[in-house]
Amino acid sequence: MCSFPYGFSLPRGPQRLLWGTIAALLCTNPAFSDRFLSAEEIGWIEDFTLATTQQTALQQLVPGTEDHFYYHCLWLQQQGRLEESERQLNEWHKRYGRNGRTQEIEHRQRLLSFPQQADRT
């Protein structure tokens, strides 16, 4: 049986045969079914998000890469270790320059440190 995303169901009455045929064609079309109806393998981001200890997931990243800096800073911020996160962010800036991801972490850093350092925000 083919299930549809977002709670879609077939209408009642004479249109049901038409919609049923369309649904059957879509469900048997590999381009549609592979994209919308199949479950995908859990990736690293899900491992990081769902892990009981995110440190284990962080150890899978290659040190010095942008992903390593991003997720390590994010984790440090979530732990409330803002000084360490600031040091990581500075090293990240030196190595890769400023980009959208560094700005995102920097903005988070300023908001989280606002009560202690309102002048920097």
C-alpha atoms as a PDB file:
ATOM      1  CA  MET A   1       0.000   0.000   0.000  1.00  0.00           C
ATOM      2  CA  CYS A   2       1.294   3.422  -0.923  1.00  0.00           C
ATOM      3  CA  SER A   3       1.087   6.122   1.722  1.00  0.00           C
ATOM      4  CA  PHE A   4       1.243   9.816   0.986  1.00  0.00           C
ATOM      5  CA  PRO A   5       3.120  12.552   2.790  1.00  0.00           C
ATOM      6  CA  TYR A   6       1.348  15.298   4.735  1.00  0.00           C
ATOM      7  CA  GLY A   7      -1.773  13.240   5.454  1.00  0.00           C
ATOM      8  CA  PHE A   8      -3.062  13.301   1.858  1.00  0.00           C
ATOM      9  CA  SER A   9      -5.979  10.926   1.216  1.00  0.00           C
ATOM     10  CA  LEU A  10      -8.075  10.088  -1.816  1.00  0.00           C
ATOM     11  CA  PRO A  11     -11.435  11.880  -2.296  1.00  0.00           C
ATOM     12  CA  ARG A  12     -14.736   9.999  -2.170  1.00  0.00           C
ATOM     13  CA  GLY A  13     -17.134   9.491  -5.027  1.00  0.00           C
ATOM     14  CA  PRO A  14     -16.518   9.255  -8.794  1.00  0.00           C
ATOM     15  CA  GLN A  15     -13.212  11.149  -8.601  1.00  0.00           C
ATOM     16  CA  ARG A  16     -11.756   8.351  -6.473  1.00  0.00           C
ATOM     17  CA  LEU A  17     -11.053   6.155  -9.533  1.00  0.00           C
ATOM     18  CA  LEU A  18      -9.225   8.980 -11.319  1.00  0.00           C
ATOM     19  CA  TRP A  19      -7.181   9.930  -8.257  1.00  0.00           C
ATOM     20  CA  GLY A  20      -6.565   6.275  -7.447  1.00  0.00           C
ATOM     21  CA  THR A  21      -5.111   5.733 -10.930  1.00  0.00           C
ATOM     22  CA  ILE A  22      -2.913   8.819 -10.632  1.00  0.00           C
ATOM     23  CA  ALA A  23      -1.752   7.718  -7.186  1.00  0.00           C
ATOM     24  CA  ALA A  24      -0.932   4.222  -8.442  1.00  0.00           C
ATOM     25  CA  LEU A  25       1.102   5.660 -11.321  1.00  0.00           C
ATOM     26  CA  LEU A  26       2.991   7.994  -9.009  1.00  0.00           C
ATOM     27  CA  CYS A  27       3.721   5.253  -6.494  1.00  0.00           C
ATOM     28  CA  THR A  28       5.150   2.988  -9.167  1.00  0.00           C
ATOM     29  CA  ASN A  29       7.230   5.751 -10.739  1.00  0.00           C
ATOM     30  CA  PRO A  30      10.760   5.398  -9.297  1.00  0.00           C
ATOM     31  CA  ALA A  31      11.510   9.120  -9.591  1.00  0.00           C
ATOM     32  CA  PHE A  32       8.530   9.976  -7.384  1.00  0.00           C
ATOM     33  CA  SER A  33       8.628   7.091  -4.946  1.00  0.00           C
ATOM     34  CA  ASP A  34      12.372   7.312  -4.328  1.00  0.00           C
ATOM     35  CA  ARG A  35      12.196  11.007  -3.547  1.00  0.00           C
ATOM     36  CA  PHE A  36       9.011  11.302  -1.526  1.00  0.00           C
ATOM     37  CA  LEU A  37       8.013   7.915  -0.209  1.00  0.00           C
ATOM     38  CA  SER A  38      11.185   6.152   0.807  1.00  0.00           C
ATOM     39  CA  ALA A  39      12.936   6.461   4.107  1.00  0.00           C
ATOM     40  CA  GLU A  40      16.477   7.749   3.932  1.00  0.00           C
ATOM     41  CA  GLU A  41      19.452   6.564   5.878  1.00  0.00           C
ATOM     42  CA  ILE A  42      20.115   8.461   9.075  1.00  0.00           C
ATOM     43  CA  GLY A  43      23.026  10.830   8.509  1.00  0.00           C
ATOM     44  CA  TRP A  44      25.600  12.408  10.775  1.00  0.00           C
ATOM     45  CA  ILE A  45      23.411  15.376  11.696  1.00  0.00           C
ATOM     46  CA  GLU A  46      20.747  13.026  13.038  1.00  0.00           C
ATOM     47  CA  ASP A  47      23.441  11.134  14.954  1.00  0.00           C
ATOM     48  CA  PHE A  48      24.603  14.414  16.478  1.00  0.00           C
ATOM     49  CA  THR A  49      21.099  15.570  17.301  1.00  0.00           C
ATOM     50  CA  LEU A  50      19.819  12.293  18.726  1.00  0.00           C
ATOM     51  CA  ALA A  51      22.972  11.163  20.516  1.00  0.00           C
ATOM     52  CA  THR A  52      22.831  10.784  24.272  1.00  0.00           C
ATOM     53  CA  THR A  53      26.360  12.192  24.394  1.00  0.00           C
ATOM     54  CA  GLN A  54      27.048  14.496  21.495  1.00  0.00           C
ATOM     55  CA  GLN A  55      30.772  14.273  22.179  1.00  0.00           C
ATOM     56  CA  THR A  56      30.740  10.803  20.637  1.00  0.00           C
ATOM     57  CA  ALA A  57      29.263  12.202  17.422  1.00  0.00           C
ATOM     58  CA  LEU A  58      31.750  15.102  17.418  1.00  0.00           C
ATOM     59  CA  GLN A  59      34.659  12.656  17.487  1.00  0.00           C
ATOM     60  CA  GLN A  60      33.596  11.420  14.030  1.00  0.00           C
ATOM     61  CA  LEU A  61      34.404  14.816  12.463  1.00  0.00           C
ATOM     62  CA  VAL A  62      37.840  15.572  11.034  1.00  0.00           C
ATOM     63  CA  PRO A  63      39.552  18.144  13.292  1.00  0.00           C
ATOM     64  CA  GLY A  64      40.196  21.492  11.627  1.00  0.00           C
ATOM     65  CA  THR A  65      37.377  21.227   9.073  1.00  0.00           C
ATOM     66  CA  GLU A  66      34.595  23.787   8.894  1.00  0.00           C
ATOM     67  CA  ASP A  67      32.068  21.183  10.052  1.00  0.00           C
ATOM     68  CA  HIS A  68      34.260  20.407  13.045  1.00  0.00           C
ATOM     69  CA  PHE A  69      34.449  24.068  14.047  1.00  0.00           C
ATOM     70  CA  TYR A  70      30.725  24.674  13.464  1.00  0.00           C
ATOM     71  CA  TYR A  71      29.389  21.717  15.423  1.00  0.00           C
ATOM     72  CA  HIS A  72      32.026  21.967  18.130  1.00  0.00           C
ATOM     73  CA  CYS A  73      31.181  25.645  18.727  1.00  0.00           C
ATOM     74  CA  LEU A  74      27.472  24.817  18.674  1.00  0.00           C
ATOM     75  CA  TRP A  75      27.977  22.048  21.223  1.00  0.00           C
ATOM     76  CA  LEU A  76      30.108  24.263  23.477  1.00  0.00           C
ATOM     77  CA  GLN A  77      27.430  26.958  23.344  1.00  0.00           C
ATOM     78  CA  GLN A  78      24.750  24.423  24.260  1.00  0.00           C
ATOM     79  CA  GLN A  79      26.872  23.356  27.222  1.00  0.00           C
ATOM     80  CA  GLY A  80      27.216  26.976  28.366  1.00  0.00           C
ATOM     81  CA  ARG A  81      30.993  26.934  27.828  1.00  0.00           C
ATOM     82  CA  LEU A  82      31.060  30.288  26.063  1.00  0.00           C
ATOM     83  CA  GLU A  83      34.732  31.110  26.673  1.00  0.00           C
ATOM     84  CA  GLU A  84      35.834  27.887  24.975  1.00  0.00           C
ATOM     85  CA  SER A  85      33.379  28.510  22.168  1.00  0.00           C
ATOM     86  CA  GLU A  86      34.835  32.001  21.682  1.00  0.00           C
ATOM     87  CA  ARG A  87      38.352  30.538  21.378  1.00  0.00           C
ATOM     88  CA  GLN A  88      37.148  27.990  18.809  1.00  0.00           C
ATOM     89  CA  LEU A  89      35.349  30.731  16.898  1.00  0.00           C
ATOM     90  CA  ASN A  90      38.488  32.891  16.781  1.00  0.00           C
ATOM     91  CA  GLU A  91      40.553  29.986  15.482  1.00  0.00           C
ATOM     92  CA  TRP A  92      37.857  29.252  12.900  1.00  0.00           C
ATOM     93  CA  HIS A  93      37.970  32.893  11.723  1.00  0.00           C
ATOM     94  CA  LYS A  94      41.764  32.728  11.365  1.00  0.00           C
ATOM     95  CA  ARG A  95      41.672  29.517   9.380  1.00  0.00           C
ATOM     96  CA  TYR A  96      38.675  30.029   7.071  1.00  0.00           C
ATOM     97  CA  GLY A  97      37.742  33.682   7.268  1.00  0.00           C
ATOM     98  CA  ARG A  98      34.241  34.963   7.841  1.00  0.00           C
ATOM     99  CA  ASN A  99      31.243  33.308   6.170  1.00  0.00           C
ATOM    100  CA  GLY A 100      27.579  32.609   6.841  1.00  0.00           C
ATOM    101  CA  ARG A 101      28.236  29.754   9.237  1.00  0.00           C
ATOM    102  CA  THR A 102      30.748  31.722  11.306  1.00  0.00           C
ATOM    103  CA  GLN A 103      28.339  34.648  11.477  1.00  0.00           C
ATOM    104  CA  GLU A 104      25.554  32.337  12.650  1.00  0.00           C
ATOM    105  CA  ILE A 105      27.690  30.976  15.489  1.00  0.00           C
ATOM    106  CA  GLU A 106      28.986  34.465  16.282  1.00  0.00           C
ATOM    107  CA  HIS A 107      25.430  35.827  16.546  1.00  0.00           C
ATOM    108  CA  ARG A 108      24.477  32.936  18.824  1.00  0.00           C
ATOM    109  CA  GLN A 109      27.579  33.636  20.905  1.00  0.00           C
ATOM    110  CA  ARG A 110      26.656  37.308  21.333  1.00  0.00           C
ATOM    111  CA  LEU A 111      23.068  36.501  22.277  1.00  0.00           C
ATOM    112  CA  LEU A 112      24.089  33.836  24.780  1.00  0.00           C
ATOM    113  CA  SER A 113      26.712  36.071  26.367  1.00  0.00           C
ATOM    114  CA  PHE A 114      24.445  39.135  26.495  1.00  0.00           C
ATOM    115  CA  PRO A 115      23.731  38.985  30.252  1.00  0.00           C
ATOM    116  CA  GLN A 116      27.475  39.029  31.017  1.00  0.00           C
ATOM    117  CA  GLN A 117      28.716  41.232  28.143  1.00  0.00           C
ATOM    118  CA  ALA A 118      25.926  43.503  26.997  1.00  0.00           C
ATOM    119  CA  ASP A 119      28.375  45.986  25.468  1.00  0.00           C
ATOM    120  CA  ARG A 120      29.671  43.407  22.920  1.00  0.00           C
ATOM    121  CA  THR A 121      26.163  42.666  21.720  1.00  0.00           C
END
